[in-house]
């Protein structure tokens, strides 16, 4: 009989440990799921912000292009090419530098057209 009691006690201990392990795993999975939900929401927010920045930058570049077209249209001998397309190799972390390059290029164009003066017409 003592062996049977020991086996029953040992079985109960094993079942208790298995139940505790299952509960611990379930708790960990729920916590991890909550953590992942937070990470997904943050990533979705970053994507929305990047999309907004992309759209704003494209609109800004298009405005500069229209203003350049206006400047070039005054020159009878010059023609503006087709609208520029976004560069697929552009990097988001360099967006401010790209925007500054567009602005400075536009200013250079404007200055060059103004320097031509009456000779260009």
C-alpha atoms as a PDB file:
ATOM      1  CA  UNK A   1       0.000   0.000   0.000  1.00  0.00           C
ATOM      2  CA  UNK A   2       2.684   2.569   0.717  1.00  0.00           C
ATOM      3  CA  UNK A   3       3.873   2.282  -2.885  1.00  0.00           C
ATOM      4  CA  UNK A   4       0.366   2.963  -4.176  1.00  0.00           C
ATOM      5  CA  UNK A   5       0.028   6.078  -1.989  1.00  0.00           C
ATOM      6  CA  UNK A   6       3.424   7.290  -3.138  1.00  0.00           C
ATOM      7  CA  UNK A   7       2.515   6.717  -6.784  1.00  0.00           C
ATOM      8  CA  UNK A   8      -0.788   8.544  -6.355  1.00  0.00           C
ATOM      9  CA  UNK A   9       0.918  11.467  -4.627  1.00  0.00           C
ATOM     10  CA  UNK A  10       3.581  11.597  -7.324  1.00  0.00           C
ATOM     11  CA  UNK A  11       0.872  11.492 -10.041  1.00  0.00           C
ATOM     12  CA  UNK A  12      -0.951  14.396  -8.373  1.00  0.00           C
ATOM     13  CA  UNK A  13       2.319  16.356  -8.181  1.00  0.00           C
ATOM     14  CA  UNK A  14       3.017  15.767 -11.874  1.00  0.00           C
ATOM     15  CA  UNK A  15      -0.528  16.756 -12.846  1.00  0.00           C
ATOM     16  CA  UNK A  16      -0.261  19.895 -10.705  1.00  0.00           C
ATOM     17  CA  UNK A  17       3.033  20.829 -12.354  1.00  0.00           C
ATOM     18  CA  UNK A  18       1.570  20.193 -15.805  1.00  0.00           C
ATOM     19  CA  UNK A  19      -1.465  22.345 -15.005  1.00  0.00           C
ATOM     20  CA  UNK A  20       0.762  25.114 -13.640  1.00  0.00           C
ATOM     21  CA  UNK A  21       2.969  24.933 -16.738  1.00  0.00           C
ATOM     22  CA  UNK A  22      -0.093  25.179 -18.985  1.00  0.00           C
ATOM     23  CA  UNK A  23      -1.410  28.159 -16.992  1.00  0.00           C
ATOM     24  CA  UNK A  24       2.006  29.860 -17.121  1.00  0.00           C
ATOM     25  CA  UNK A  25       2.227  29.292 -20.873  1.00  0.00           C
ATOM     26  CA  UNK A  26      -1.276  30.650 -21.396  1.00  0.00           C
ATOM     27  CA  UNK A  27      -0.445  33.750 -19.320  1.00  0.00           C
ATOM     28  CA  UNK A  28       2.784  34.291 -21.258  1.00  0.00           C
ATOM     29  CA  UNK A  29       0.963  33.875 -24.597  1.00  0.00           C
ATOM     30  CA  UNK A  30      -1.715  36.403 -23.581  1.00  0.00           C
ATOM     31  CA  UNK A  31       0.911  38.907 -22.428  1.00  0.00           C
ATOM     32  CA  UNK A  32       2.916  38.405 -25.621  1.00  0.00           C
ATOM     33  CA  UNK A  33      -0.216  38.819 -27.756  1.00  0.00           C
ATOM     34  CA  UNK A  34      -0.960  42.101 -25.971  1.00  0.00           C
ATOM     35  CA  UNK A  35       2.643  43.221 -26.497  1.00  0.00           C
ATOM     36  CA  UNK A  36       2.487  42.315 -30.201  1.00  0.00           C
ATOM     37  CA  UNK A  37      -0.824  44.174 -30.586  1.00  0.00           C
ATOM     38  CA  UNK A  38       0.894  47.276 -29.213  1.00  0.00           C
ATOM     39  CA  UNK A  39       3.841  46.850 -31.587  1.00  0.00           C
ATOM     40  CA  UNK A  40       1.498  46.347 -34.554  1.00  0.00           C
ATOM     41  CA  UNK A  41      -0.481  49.483 -33.653  1.00  0.00           C
ATOM     42  CA  UNK A  42       2.753  51.496 -33.359  1.00  0.00           C
ATOM     43  CA  UNK A  43       3.985  50.173 -36.710  1.00  0.00           C
ATOM     44  CA  UNK A  44       0.667  51.009 -38.371  1.00  0.00           C
ATOM     45  CA  UNK A  45       0.917  54.542 -36.968  1.00  0.00           C
ATOM     46  CA  UNK A  46       4.452  54.899 -38.367  1.00  0.00           C
ATOM     47  CA  UNK A  47       3.218  53.710 -41.771  1.00  0.00           C
ATOM     48  CA  UNK A  48       0.385  56.285 -41.696  1.00  0.00           C
ATOM     49  CA  UNK A  49       2.844  59.047 -40.759  1.00  0.00           C
ATOM     50  CA  UNK A  50       5.268  58.001 -43.509  1.00  0.00           C
ATOM     51  CA  UNK A  51       2.433  57.912 -46.045  1.00  0.00           C
ATOM     52  CA  UNK A  52       1.355  61.402 -45.001  1.00  0.00           C
ATOM     53  CA  UNK A  53       4.928  62.688 -45.280  1.00  0.00           C
ATOM     54  CA  UNK A  54       5.275  61.066 -48.699  1.00  0.00           C
ATOM     55  CA  UNK A  55       2.070  62.652 -49.940  1.00  0.00           C
ATOM     56  CA  UNK A  56       2.997  66.067 -48.533  1.00  0.00           C
ATOM     57  CA  UNK A  57       6.439  65.891 -50.103  1.00  0.00           C
ATOM     58  CA  UNK A  58       5.036  64.811 -53.480  1.00  0.00           C
ATOM     59  CA  UNK A  59       2.584  67.729 -53.414  1.00  0.00           C
ATOM     60  CA  UNK A  60       5.401  70.106 -52.491  1.00  0.00           C
ATOM     61  CA  UNK A  61       7.638  68.816 -55.299  1.00  0.00           C
ATOM     62  CA  UNK A  62       4.737  69.101 -57.738  1.00  0.00           C
ATOM     63  CA  UNK A  63       4.203  72.736 -56.678  1.00  0.00           C
ATOM     64  CA  UNK A  64       7.878  73.494 -57.311  1.00  0.00           C
ATOM     65  CA  UNK A  65       7.577  71.779 -60.694  1.00  0.00           C
ATOM     66  CA  UNK A  66       4.573  73.936 -61.645  1.00  0.00           C
ATOM     67  CA  UNK A  67       6.432  77.078 -60.564  1.00  0.00           C
ATOM     68  CA  UNK A  68       9.469  75.983 -62.617  1.00  0.00           C
ATOM     69  CA  UNK A  69       7.154  75.430 -65.576  1.00  0.00           C
ATOM     70  CA  UNK A  70       5.854  78.964 -65.119  1.00  0.00           C
ATOM     71  CA  UNK A  71       9.428  80.326 -65.149  1.00  0.00           C
ATOM     72  CA  UNK A  72      10.454  78.293 -68.190  1.00  0.00           C
ATOM     73  CA  UNK A  73       7.286  79.190 -70.116  1.00  0.00           C
ATOM     74  CA  UNK A  74       8.600  82.757 -70.335  1.00  0.00           C
ATOM     75  CA  UNK A  75      11.514  81.521 -72.403  1.00  0.00           C
ATOM     76  CA  UNK A  76      10.448  80.883 -75.975  1.00  0.00           C
ATOM     77  CA  UNK A  77      13.481  78.690 -76.704  1.00  0.00           C
ATOM     78  CA  UNK A  78      13.226  76.391 -73.637  1.00  0.00           C
ATOM     79  CA  UNK A  79      10.754  73.626 -72.873  1.00  0.00           C
ATOM     80  CA  UNK A  80      10.105  71.781 -69.664  1.00  0.00           C
ATOM     81  CA  UNK A  81      10.151  68.004 -69.843  1.00  0.00           C
ATOM     82  CA  UNK A  82       7.551  65.635 -68.414  1.00  0.00           C
ATOM     83  CA  UNK A  83       6.617  65.739 -64.744  1.00  0.00           C
ATOM     84  CA  UNK A  84       9.139  63.939 -62.560  1.00  0.00           C
ATOM     85  CA  UNK A  85       8.249  60.584 -61.038  1.00  0.00           C
ATOM     86  CA  UNK A  86       9.131  59.564 -57.481  1.00  0.00           C
ATOM     87  CA  UNK A  87      12.416  57.686 -57.273  1.00  0.00           C
ATOM     88  CA  UNK A  88      11.845  54.142 -55.970  1.00  0.00           C
ATOM     89  CA  UNK A  89      15.367  54.115 -54.532  1.00  0.00           C
ATOM     90  CA  UNK A  90      14.757  57.220 -52.383  1.00  0.00           C
ATOM     91  CA  UNK A  91      15.227  56.695 -48.673  1.00  0.00           C
ATOM     92  CA  UNK A  92      12.722  58.064 -46.183  1.00  0.00           C
ATOM     93  CA  UNK A  93      15.372  59.124 -43.699  1.00  0.00           C
ATOM     94  CA  UNK A  94      16.776  61.536 -46.334  1.00  0.00           C
ATOM     95  CA  UNK A  95      13.420  63.165 -47.103  1.00  0.00           C
ATOM     96  CA  UNK A  96      14.339  66.552 -45.663  1.00  0.00           C
ATOM     97  CA  UNK A  97      17.567  66.623 -47.661  1.00  0.00           C
ATOM     98  CA  UNK A  98      15.697  65.717 -50.864  1.00  0.00           C
ATOM     99  CA  UNK A  99      13.150  68.484 -50.240  1.00  0.00           C
ATOM    100  CA  UNK A 100      15.957  70.970 -49.644  1.00  0.00           C
ATOM    101  CA  UNK A 101      17.619  69.893 -52.909  1.00  0.00           C
ATOM    102  CA  UNK A 102      14.358  70.516 -54.811  1.00  0.00           C
ATOM    103  CA  UNK A 103      13.953  73.927 -53.210  1.00  0.00           C
ATOM    104  CA  UNK A 104      17.527  75.003 -53.906  1.00  0.00           C
ATOM    105  CA  UNK A 105      17.350  73.719 -57.505  1.00  0.00           C
ATOM    106  CA  UNK A 106      14.186  75.748 -58.034  1.00  0.00           C
ATOM    107  CA  UNK A 107      15.860  78.845 -56.606  1.00  0.00           C
ATOM    108  CA  UNK A 108      18.845  78.333 -58.914  1.00  0.00           C
ATOM    109  CA  UNK A 109      16.515  78.000 -61.904  1.00  0.00           C
ATOM    110  CA  UNK A 110      14.619  81.143 -60.919  1.00  0.00           C
ATOM    111  CA  UNK A 111      17.850  83.065 -60.505  1.00  0.00           C
ATOM    112  CA  UNK A 112      19.169  81.834 -63.866  1.00  0.00           C
ATOM    113  CA  UNK A 113      15.957  82.882 -65.651  1.00  0.00           C
ATOM    114  CA  UNK A 114      16.057  86.287 -63.978  1.00  0.00           C
ATOM    115  CA  UNK A 115      19.721  86.750 -64.949  1.00  0.00           C
ATOM    116  CA  UNK A 116      18.836  86.148 -68.582  1.00  0.00           C
ATOM    117  CA  UNK A 117      16.622  89.213 -68.455  1.00  0.00           C
ATOM    118  CA  UNK A 118      15.508  90.724 -71.734  1.00  0.00           C
ATOM    119  CA  UNK A 119      18.063  88.666 -73.749  1.00  0.00           C
ATOM    120  CA  UNK A 120      16.078  85.487 -73.184  1.00  0.00           C
ATOM    121  CA  UNK A 121      12.858  86.737 -74.720  1.00  0.00           C
END
